[in-house]
Amino acid sequence: MARTMRALALAAALAAAPAQAEISDGVVRIGVLTDMSGPFQDTNGMGSVEAARLAAEDFAGGGKAIRVEIVFADHQNKADVGSAIARKWLDVEKVDAVVDVPNSSVGLAVNALVRDTRMALLASATATSELTGKACSPNTVQWVNDAWATGNTTAAAMMKRGGTSWYFLTVNYALGQGIEAEASAYVTRNGGTVKGASRHPLGTADFSSLLLQAQSSGAKVVGLANAGADAINIVKQASEFGLKDSGQSLVAFLVFINDVHAMGLKDAQGLLLTESFYWNMNDATRDFAKRFAARPGQAGKVPSGNQAGVYSATLAYLDAVARAGSDDGRTAIAEMKRRPPRDTLFGDLTVRPDGRAIHPIYLFEVKKPGESKAPYDYYTLVATVPADQAFRPIAEGGCPLVK
C-alpha cells in the first residue's frame, strides 16, 4: 500500500509540473565559456558570468518553476582547452547550453563538438561567420556581430565618408583574418584599393613597426582587425605616432566600450567603430547598465556588447525552453527561430534559419574628452545599419540548413 501511495504521489507531482518532464535532471544548466585571463577578460570574463546570472534571475523560472544553474570556465583562448571543457560539461556535468565563447577557433571547436548532441551553443561573442555559413548547426545560434557584418558594415560606412584606400593591421588568427577578408572584398568590390596588411600574433605588446608600415602606405583608412588588449595597445601607440594627425582615419572593427575606457578619450578620440549595443542608447539599455553595475565585481563598469549579448542570448534560450518544455538544444533553438525573442537591448531582433540573430548595427565615433559629460559617455552615433542590411544575406552563406 505504501509503495502504491508513493507511486500515486509521484504521478500527481509529474502531472502538476508538465514543463519539468523534458528538463534533463530537473534543471537547466548554462555554462559561460569565456576568457578570464586573456585579451577579452574585460569585454567578457566575469562580466559575462554576471550577465548570464542576471538573465537567469529575470527568467524567474519562466512561470513554470524551471530551475536554472550557471557555471563558468576559462577557455584560455585555446581550442583544445575550450573543447575539453565543453566535453566535460556535456558528458559529466550535464550542462545544457554553452554561452559567450569569445575567440573564433574555440567557437568553431565547440560548435563541432555539440553538433548531434543535446547541447546548445549560444555563440554570443564568437565572431567567425562560418557559424552561420558552412559550419552552421541546428544546435547553434550566433548573437551580436560576426566577421561578415563587422567587415562589410564598417567598410561601407567608411567608404561613404571617403575612405577609399585601406591598410589593415590584423591579428593572425581566424577572427582577424575573417574581418580583413570581408572588409577587403567590400572595398575592392566597390572601387576602393587595399594597399596592404600587416599581421601580428595575439597578445602583441609593441606595434611600432606595423604602425610605421601603415603610415608609410599612405592609405586613407587604417583598419584594426583585432580586439581586446591588442586593439587597446595599437590605438594608444597610434596616438603616440601621430597617425591621425597625418590625415589617416583609424577604424576599429571589433572594439567595445570597455576597450575605449582602457584607451582613454585622449588617445581614442576620433576612433570610428561599429557596435550592436551601447549602454547609453535608450532607457532600456541604461536600465540594464544600471542593474549590471550593481552585480558583484561590476561596480563602476558598464556592460560591453558581448556581455549584453550573453544576457540577451541566455534569456532567449531560457524563454524558448519554457515554451517548448524541453532543454534539448535542437528543440530549444528551433523554438528560438520560430518566435522572435523578447529583447530590449538589441532592437528589432529575430533568429534566422541559419542561426544568425538579426538586429541593427551602429557606426559610432569616439568623443573628444571635452564632449563627454559622464563616465562611459563616449560615443556619438554616426549611422545606423538596419537589421535586414547588417548581416550576410542568408542565401550567400552556404548553410546546409537553408533550403
Protein backbone atom coordinates (compact mmCIF):
# COMPACT_ATOMS: atom_id res chain seq x y z
CA MET A 1 0.00 0.00 0.00
CA ALA A 2 2.80 2.42 0.90
CA ARG A 3 4.50 1.71 -2.42
CA THR A 4 1.22 2.37 -4.26
CA MET A 5 0.73 5.67 -2.43
CA ARG A 6 4.28 6.80 -3.29
CA ALA A 7 3.67 5.96 -6.95
CA LEU A 8 0.41 7.93 -6.95
CA ALA A 9 2.11 10.89 -5.29
CA LEU A 10 4.89 10.82 -7.89
CA ALA A 11 2.38 10.68 -10.73
CA ALA A 12 0.48 13.63 -9.26
CA ALA A 13 3.66 15.65 -8.93
CA LEU A 14 4.60 14.99 -12.53
CA ALA A 15 1.12 15.93 -13.72
CA ALA A 16 1.29 19.19 -11.77
CA ALA A 17 4.57 20.20 -13.41
CA PRO A 18 4.45 19.14 -17.09
CA ALA A 19 7.15 21.63 -18.07
CA GLN A 20 9.68 19.69 -15.99
CA ALA A 21 9.07 16.43 -17.85
CA GLU A 22 11.56 17.22 -20.60
CA ILE A 23 14.01 19.22 -18.49
CA SER A 24 17.05 16.99 -18.12
CA ASP A 25 17.95 16.31 -14.47
CA GLY A 26 15.20 18.74 -13.48
CA VAL A 27 17.50 21.75 -14.00
CA VAL A 28 18.70 23.84 -16.95
CA ARG A 29 22.47 24.29 -16.69
CA ILE A 30 24.16 27.01 -18.72
CA GLY A 31 27.93 27.14 -19.00
CA VAL A 32 29.60 30.50 -19.62
CA LEU A 33 32.74 29.57 -21.58
CA THR A 34 34.80 32.75 -21.55
CA ASP A 35 38.19 34.42 -21.30
CA MET A 36 39.09 35.06 -17.67
CA SER A 37 42.75 35.94 -18.05
CA GLY A 38 43.47 36.93 -21.65
CA PRO A 39 42.71 39.81 -24.05
CA PHE A 40 38.92 39.51 -23.67
CA GLN A 41 38.71 39.38 -19.88
CA ASP A 42 37.28 42.92 -19.64
CA THR A 43 34.80 42.71 -22.52
CA ASN A 44 33.71 39.22 -21.43
CA GLY A 45 35.15 37.44 -18.37
CA MET A 46 33.28 37.65 -15.08
CA GLY A 47 31.05 40.34 -16.56
CA SER A 48 29.67 37.70 -18.92
CA VAL A 49 29.07 35.37 -15.99
CA GLU A 50 27.13 38.07 -14.14
CA ALA A 51 25.14 38.87 -17.30
CA ALA A 52 24.10 35.20 -17.54
CA ARG A 53 23.17 35.15 -13.87
CA LEU A 54 21.09 38.31 -14.33
CA ALA A 55 19.27 36.68 -17.27
CA ALA A 56 18.52 33.60 -15.16
CA GLU A 57 17.12 35.80 -12.38
CA ASP A 58 14.97 37.77 -14.83
CA PHE A 59 13.72 34.49 -16.33
CA ALA A 60 12.44 33.62 -12.83
CA GLY A 61 11.52 30.06 -13.73
CA GLY A 62 9.57 31.04 -16.82
CA GLY A 63 6.30 30.82 -14.92
CA LYS A 64 6.87 27.05 -14.61
CA ALA A 65 9.31 26.86 -11.70
CA ILE A 66 12.15 25.81 -14.01
CA ARG A 67 15.43 25.73 -12.10
CA VAL A 68 18.49 27.31 -13.72
CA GLU A 69 22.13 26.95 -12.76
CA ILE A 70 25.02 28.99 -14.18
CA VAL A 71 28.54 27.53 -14.31
CA PHE A 72 31.62 29.04 -15.92
CA ALA A 73 35.15 28.29 -17.07
CA ASP A 74 38.17 29.92 -18.73
CA HIS A 75 38.96 28.57 -22.22
CA GLN A 76 42.37 30.34 -22.20
CA ASN A 77 41.86 31.20 -25.89
CA LYS A 78 42.84 27.64 -26.80
CA ALA A 79 40.57 25.49 -28.95
CA ASP A 80 41.64 22.24 -27.29
CA VAL A 81 41.06 23.64 -23.80
CA GLY A 82 37.64 25.03 -24.71
CA SER A 83 36.62 21.79 -26.40
CA ALA A 84 37.74 19.72 -23.39
CA ILE A 85 35.71 21.90 -21.03
CA ALA A 86 32.63 21.63 -23.23
CA ARG A 87 33.09 17.85 -23.46
CA LYS A 88 33.24 17.53 -19.67
CA TRP A 89 30.21 19.78 -19.31
CA LEU A 90 28.30 17.61 -21.77
CA ASP A 91 29.31 14.16 -20.54
CA VAL A 92 29.82 14.65 -16.80
CA GLU A 93 28.27 17.88 -15.53
CA LYS A 94 25.10 17.73 -17.68
CA VAL A 95 25.35 21.30 -18.94
CA ASP A 96 22.59 22.02 -21.46
CA ALA A 97 23.88 25.14 -23.22
CA VAL A 98 27.21 26.93 -23.69
CA VAL A 99 27.16 30.74 -23.99
CA ASP A 100 29.66 33.56 -24.73
CA VAL A 101 32.81 31.93 -26.27
CA PRO A 102 34.98 34.88 -27.37
CA ASN A 103 37.63 33.52 -29.77
CA SER A 104 36.64 32.10 -33.13
CA SER A 105 38.82 28.99 -33.04
CA VAL A 106 37.31 27.98 -29.70
CA GLY A 107 33.81 28.70 -31.00
CA LEU A 108 34.33 26.53 -34.09
CA ALA A 109 35.69 23.68 -31.96
CA VAL A 110 32.72 23.79 -29.58
CA ASN A 111 30.31 24.11 -32.50
CA ALA A 112 31.70 20.88 -33.99
CA LEU A 113 31.52 19.14 -30.63
CA VAL A 114 27.91 19.95 -29.78
CA ARG A 115 26.54 19.09 -33.22
CA ASP A 116 24.38 15.95 -32.98
CA THR A 117 24.22 16.20 -29.17
CA ARG A 118 21.52 17.62 -26.91
CA MET A 119 23.71 20.62 -26.00
CA ALA A 120 23.10 24.11 -27.46
CA LEU A 121 25.76 26.67 -28.36
CA LEU A 122 24.71 30.28 -27.81
CA ALA A 123 27.68 31.91 -29.54
CA SER A 124 27.06 35.41 -28.29
CA ALA A 125 30.69 36.56 -28.66
CA THR A 126 32.12 34.29 -31.38
CA ALA A 127 32.96 36.41 -34.41
CA THR A 128 33.59 33.92 -37.23
CA SER A 129 30.88 33.98 -39.90
CA GLU A 130 31.36 30.25 -40.50
CA LEU A 131 29.00 29.52 -37.60
CA THR A 132 26.10 30.58 -39.81
CA GLY A 133 27.81 29.56 -43.06
CA LYS A 134 29.20 26.16 -44.00
CA ALA A 135 29.67 25.20 -40.33
CA CYS A 136 26.08 26.08 -39.34
CA SER A 137 24.35 23.66 -36.99
CA PRO A 138 20.80 23.17 -35.71
CA ASN A 139 22.36 23.29 -32.23
CA THR A 140 23.91 26.77 -32.64
CA VAL A 141 22.74 30.39 -32.68
CA GLN A 142 25.00 33.43 -33.08
CA TRP A 143 24.34 36.77 -31.36
CA VAL A 144 26.00 40.24 -31.57
CA ASN A 145 28.38 40.75 -34.55
CA ASP A 146 30.27 38.41 -36.84
CA ALA A 147 33.17 38.88 -39.26
CA TRP A 148 30.93 39.43 -42.29
CA ALA A 149 28.77 42.03 -40.55
CA THR A 150 31.71 43.76 -38.91
CA GLY A 151 33.83 43.83 -42.05
CA ASN A 152 31.13 44.84 -44.51
CA THR A 153 29.16 47.37 -42.46
CA THR A 154 32.30 49.13 -41.24
CA ALA A 155 33.87 49.24 -44.69
CA ALA A 156 30.63 50.51 -46.23
CA ALA A 157 30.33 53.30 -43.66
CA MET A 158 33.93 54.38 -44.18
CA MET A 159 33.66 54.28 -47.97
CA LYS A 160 30.71 56.66 -47.73
CA ARG A 161 32.97 59.02 -45.75
CA GLY A 162 35.63 59.00 -48.47
CA GLY A 163 37.75 56.14 -47.13
CA THR A 164 38.65 54.62 -50.49
CA SER A 165 42.15 53.29 -49.71
CA TRP A 166 42.92 50.91 -46.84
CA TYR A 167 45.74 49.30 -44.87
CA PHE A 168 44.97 46.56 -42.34
CA LEU A 169 46.62 45.68 -39.03
CA THR A 170 45.37 42.18 -38.38
CA VAL A 171 45.63 39.65 -35.56
CA ASN A 172 46.89 36.43 -37.10
CA TYR A 173 44.07 34.01 -36.33
CA ALA A 174 40.53 33.29 -37.53
CA LEU A 175 38.94 36.45 -36.08
CA GLY A 176 41.27 38.97 -37.69
CA GLN A 177 41.71 37.08 -40.95
CA GLY A 178 37.95 36.82 -41.41
CA ILE A 179 37.33 40.51 -40.76
CA GLU A 180 40.18 41.58 -43.05
CA ALA A 181 38.94 39.29 -45.83
CA GLU A 182 35.38 40.60 -45.63
CA ALA A 183 36.36 44.26 -45.47
CA SER A 184 38.95 43.93 -48.25
CA ALA A 185 36.41 42.24 -50.50
CA TYR A 186 33.90 45.03 -49.91
CA VAL A 187 36.45 47.78 -50.54
CA THR A 188 37.75 46.33 -53.82
CA ARG A 189 34.26 45.36 -54.99
CA ASN A 190 33.16 48.97 -54.58
CA GLY A 191 36.07 50.64 -56.36
CA GLY A 192 38.47 51.15 -53.46
CA THR A 193 42.02 49.88 -53.04
CA VAL A 194 43.76 47.82 -50.37
CA LYS A 195 47.35 48.98 -50.07
CA GLY A 196 48.49 46.18 -47.81
CA ALA A 197 48.23 44.47 -44.45
CA SER A 198 50.46 43.53 -41.55
CA ARG A 199 49.79 40.53 -39.32
CA HIS A 200 50.60 40.18 -35.64
CA PRO A 201 50.18 37.39 -33.08
CA LEU A 202 47.59 37.54 -30.30
CA GLY A 203 48.94 39.45 -27.31
CA THR A 204 51.44 41.68 -29.12
CA ALA A 205 52.90 44.49 -26.99
CA ASP A 206 54.91 46.57 -29.48
CA PHE A 207 53.17 47.68 -32.69
CA SER A 208 55.70 50.33 -33.74
CA SER A 209 56.95 48.57 -36.88
CA LEU A 210 53.42 47.74 -38.02
CA LEU A 211 52.25 51.32 -37.48
CA LEU A 212 55.19 52.63 -39.49
CA GLN A 213 54.19 50.36 -42.36
CA ALA A 214 50.60 51.57 -42.17
CA GLN A 215 51.71 55.19 -42.04
CA SER A 216 54.07 54.84 -44.99
CA SER A 217 51.36 53.15 -47.10
CA GLY A 218 49.53 56.45 -47.47
CA ALA A 219 46.19 54.70 -47.07
CA LYS A 220 43.30 56.93 -46.06
CA VAL A 221 42.00 54.32 -43.60
CA VAL A 222 43.94 52.10 -41.23
CA GLY A 223 41.67 49.23 -40.25
CA LEU A 224 42.24 47.39 -36.97
CA ALA A 225 41.20 43.78 -37.49
CA ASN A 226 41.88 42.74 -33.91
CA ALA A 227 40.28 43.05 -30.49
CA GLY A 228 40.82 43.30 -26.75
CA ALA A 229 44.26 44.21 -25.43
CA ASP A 230 45.74 44.21 -28.94
CA ALA A 231 43.32 46.89 -30.11
CA ILE A 232 43.87 48.94 -26.94
CA ASN A 233 47.64 48.89 -27.34
CA ILE A 234 47.56 49.69 -31.03
CA VAL A 235 45.28 52.71 -30.57
CA LYS A 236 47.45 54.11 -27.78
CA GLN A 237 50.60 53.66 -29.85
CA ALA A 238 48.92 55.10 -32.96
CA SER A 239 48.24 58.24 -30.96
CA GLU A 240 51.93 58.45 -29.99
CA PHE A 241 52.88 58.06 -33.66
CA GLY A 242 50.51 60.83 -34.69
CA LEU A 243 48.76 58.58 -37.16
CA LYS A 244 45.52 60.55 -37.15
CA ASP A 245 47.42 63.85 -37.32
CA SER A 246 48.84 62.74 -40.67
CA GLY A 247 45.32 62.59 -42.14
CA GLN A 248 44.71 58.87 -41.79
CA SER A 249 41.48 57.64 -40.23
CA LEU A 250 41.73 54.89 -37.66
CA VAL A 251 38.80 52.49 -37.64
CA ALA A 252 38.31 49.55 -35.25
CA PHE A 253 36.23 46.60 -36.36
CA LEU A 254 35.84 44.88 -33.00
CA VAL A 255 36.33 47.35 -30.13
CA PHE A 256 33.96 47.65 -27.19
CA ILE A 257 33.20 50.37 -24.66
CA ASN A 258 35.49 48.70 -22.10
CA ASP A 259 38.36 48.93 -24.58
CA VAL A 260 37.73 52.62 -25.19
CA HIS A 261 37.74 53.19 -21.43
CA ALA A 262 41.12 51.48 -21.19
CA MET A 263 42.47 53.57 -24.08
CA GLY A 264 41.26 56.86 -22.57
CA LEU A 265 39.49 59.54 -24.61
CA LYS A 266 42.71 61.45 -25.18
CA ASP A 267 44.10 58.60 -27.31
CA ALA A 268 40.80 57.16 -28.57
CA GLN A 269 39.09 60.41 -29.67
CA GLY A 270 38.01 60.30 -33.31
CA LEU A 271 38.25 56.49 -33.49
CA LEU A 272 35.45 55.04 -35.60
CA LEU A 273 33.92 51.71 -34.65
CA THR A 274 30.84 49.57 -35.09
CA GLU A 275 28.81 48.12 -32.22
CA SER A 276 25.45 46.37 -31.88
CA PHE A 277 24.89 47.62 -28.33
CA TYR A 278 25.68 50.82 -26.46
CA TRP A 279 24.64 51.24 -22.86
CA ASN A 280 23.55 54.87 -23.37
CA MET A 281 21.30 54.35 -26.42
CA ASN A 282 17.90 54.50 -24.70
CA ASP A 283 16.07 53.99 -21.39
CA ALA A 284 16.11 50.18 -21.68
CA THR A 285 19.87 49.97 -22.26
CA ARG A 286 20.53 52.47 -19.47
CA ASP A 287 18.37 50.46 -17.07
CA PHE A 288 20.25 47.27 -17.96
CA ALA A 289 23.57 49.05 -17.45
CA LYS A 290 22.45 50.24 -14.01
CA ARG A 291 21.47 46.71 -12.96
CA PHE A 292 24.66 45.27 -14.42
CA ALA A 293 26.78 47.74 -12.44
CA ALA A 294 25.07 46.52 -9.26
CA ARG A 295 26.31 42.96 -9.82
CA PRO A 296 29.23 41.57 -7.78
CA GLY A 297 32.54 42.82 -9.12
CA GLN A 298 30.96 45.16 -11.71
CA ALA A 299 30.70 48.40 -9.71
CA GLY A 300 31.77 51.40 -11.77
CA LYS A 301 31.54 49.46 -15.04
CA VAL A 302 29.09 49.35 -17.93
CA PRO A 303 28.28 46.23 -19.97
CA SER A 304 30.06 45.61 -23.24
CA GLY A 305 28.18 44.50 -26.34
CA ASN A 306 29.41 40.96 -25.71
CA GLN A 307 28.17 40.96 -22.12
CA ALA A 308 24.82 42.34 -23.26
CA GLY A 309 24.79 39.53 -25.84
CA VAL A 310 25.28 36.92 -23.12
CA TYR A 311 22.28 38.32 -21.25
CA SER A 312 20.11 38.51 -24.37
CA ALA A 313 21.01 35.06 -25.74
CA THR A 314 20.68 33.37 -22.34
CA LEU A 315 17.25 34.88 -21.70
CA ALA A 316 16.08 34.00 -25.23
CA TYR A 317 17.21 30.39 -24.77
CA LEU A 318 15.51 30.07 -21.38
CA ASP A 319 12.27 31.55 -22.74
CA ALA A 320 12.42 29.01 -25.59
CA VAL A 321 12.98 26.16 -23.11
CA ALA A 322 9.90 27.27 -21.16
CA ARG A 323 7.75 27.46 -24.29
CA ALA A 324 8.96 24.17 -25.73
CA GLY A 325 9.02 22.36 -22.38
CA SER A 326 12.46 20.97 -23.21
CA ASP A 327 16.12 21.95 -22.77
CA ASP A 328 17.22 19.77 -25.68
CA GLY A 329 19.46 22.02 -27.80
CA ARG A 330 17.80 21.44 -31.15
CA THR A 331 14.32 21.74 -29.72
CA ALA A 332 15.06 24.99 -27.87
CA ILE A 333 16.88 26.59 -30.80
CA ALA A 334 14.12 25.62 -33.22
CA GLU A 335 11.74 27.43 -30.87
CA MET A 336 14.03 30.49 -30.81
CA LYS A 337 13.82 30.59 -34.60
CA ARG A 338 10.06 30.08 -34.61
CA ARG A 339 9.25 33.01 -32.35
CA PRO A 340 11.26 36.26 -32.07
CA PRO A 341 12.88 36.57 -28.63
CA ARG A 342 11.79 39.23 -26.17
CA ASP A 343 14.68 41.66 -26.29
CA THR A 344 15.15 45.22 -25.10
CA LEU A 345 18.89 45.58 -25.74
CA PHE A 346 19.44 44.97 -29.46
CA GLY A 347 16.35 46.47 -31.02
CA ASP A 348 14.39 44.61 -33.68
CA LEU A 349 15.78 41.06 -33.23
CA THR A 350 14.89 37.77 -34.91
CA VAL A 351 16.75 34.47 -35.40
CA ARG A 352 17.08 33.19 -38.98
CA PRO A 353 17.01 29.52 -40.08
CA ASP A 354 20.83 29.56 -40.34
CA GLY A 355 21.08 30.51 -36.65
CA ARG A 356 22.04 34.14 -37.19
CA ALA A 357 20.37 36.63 -34.82
CA ILE A 358 19.48 39.70 -36.89
CA HIS A 359 19.49 43.22 -35.40
CA PRO A 360 20.72 46.73 -36.28
CA ILE A 361 24.40 47.66 -36.17
CA TYR A 362 25.65 51.18 -35.40
CA LEU A 363 28.66 53.22 -36.51
CA PHE A 364 29.98 55.37 -33.66
CA GLU A 365 32.73 57.96 -33.33
CA VAL A 366 34.56 58.25 -30.02
CA LYS A 367 34.04 61.67 -28.43
CA LYS A 368 36.71 64.18 -27.58
CA PRO A 369 37.43 64.47 -23.83
CA GLY A 370 35.55 67.76 -23.57
CA GLU A 371 32.42 66.28 -25.20
CA SER A 372 31.97 63.51 -22.64
CA LYS A 373 29.51 64.51 -19.93
CA ALA A 374 29.68 61.45 -17.66
CA PRO A 375 31.69 58.26 -17.11
CA TYR A 376 31.45 56.00 -20.18
CA ASP A 377 29.64 58.71 -22.17
CA TYR A 378 31.99 58.00 -25.03
CA TYR A 379 30.09 57.56 -28.31
CA THR A 380 28.45 59.79 -30.90
CA LEU A 381 26.10 57.92 -33.23
CA VAL A 382 27.17 58.41 -36.86
CA ALA A 383 25.00 55.94 -38.78
CA THR A 384 22.57 53.05 -38.28
CA VAL A 385 22.61 49.94 -40.46
CA PRO A 386 19.13 48.35 -40.41
CA ALA A 387 18.77 44.74 -39.31
CA ASP A 388 17.92 43.49 -42.80
CA GLN A 389 21.13 45.02 -44.22
CA ALA A 390 23.57 44.45 -41.37
CA PHE A 391 24.28 40.74 -41.91
CA ARG A 392 25.24 38.47 -44.79
CA PRO A 393 22.23 37.55 -46.95
CA ILE A 394 21.10 34.09 -45.91
CA ALA A 395 21.38 32.73 -49.47
CA GLU A 396 25.08 33.65 -49.64
CA GLY A 397 26.28 31.86 -46.51
CA GLY A 398 26.28 28.28 -47.75
CA CYS A 399 24.48 26.98 -44.66
CA PRO A 400 23.13 23.47 -45.41
CA LEU A 401 20.16 24.13 -43.14
CA VAL A 402 18.84 26.70 -45.61
CA LYS A 403 16.78 25.21 -48.44
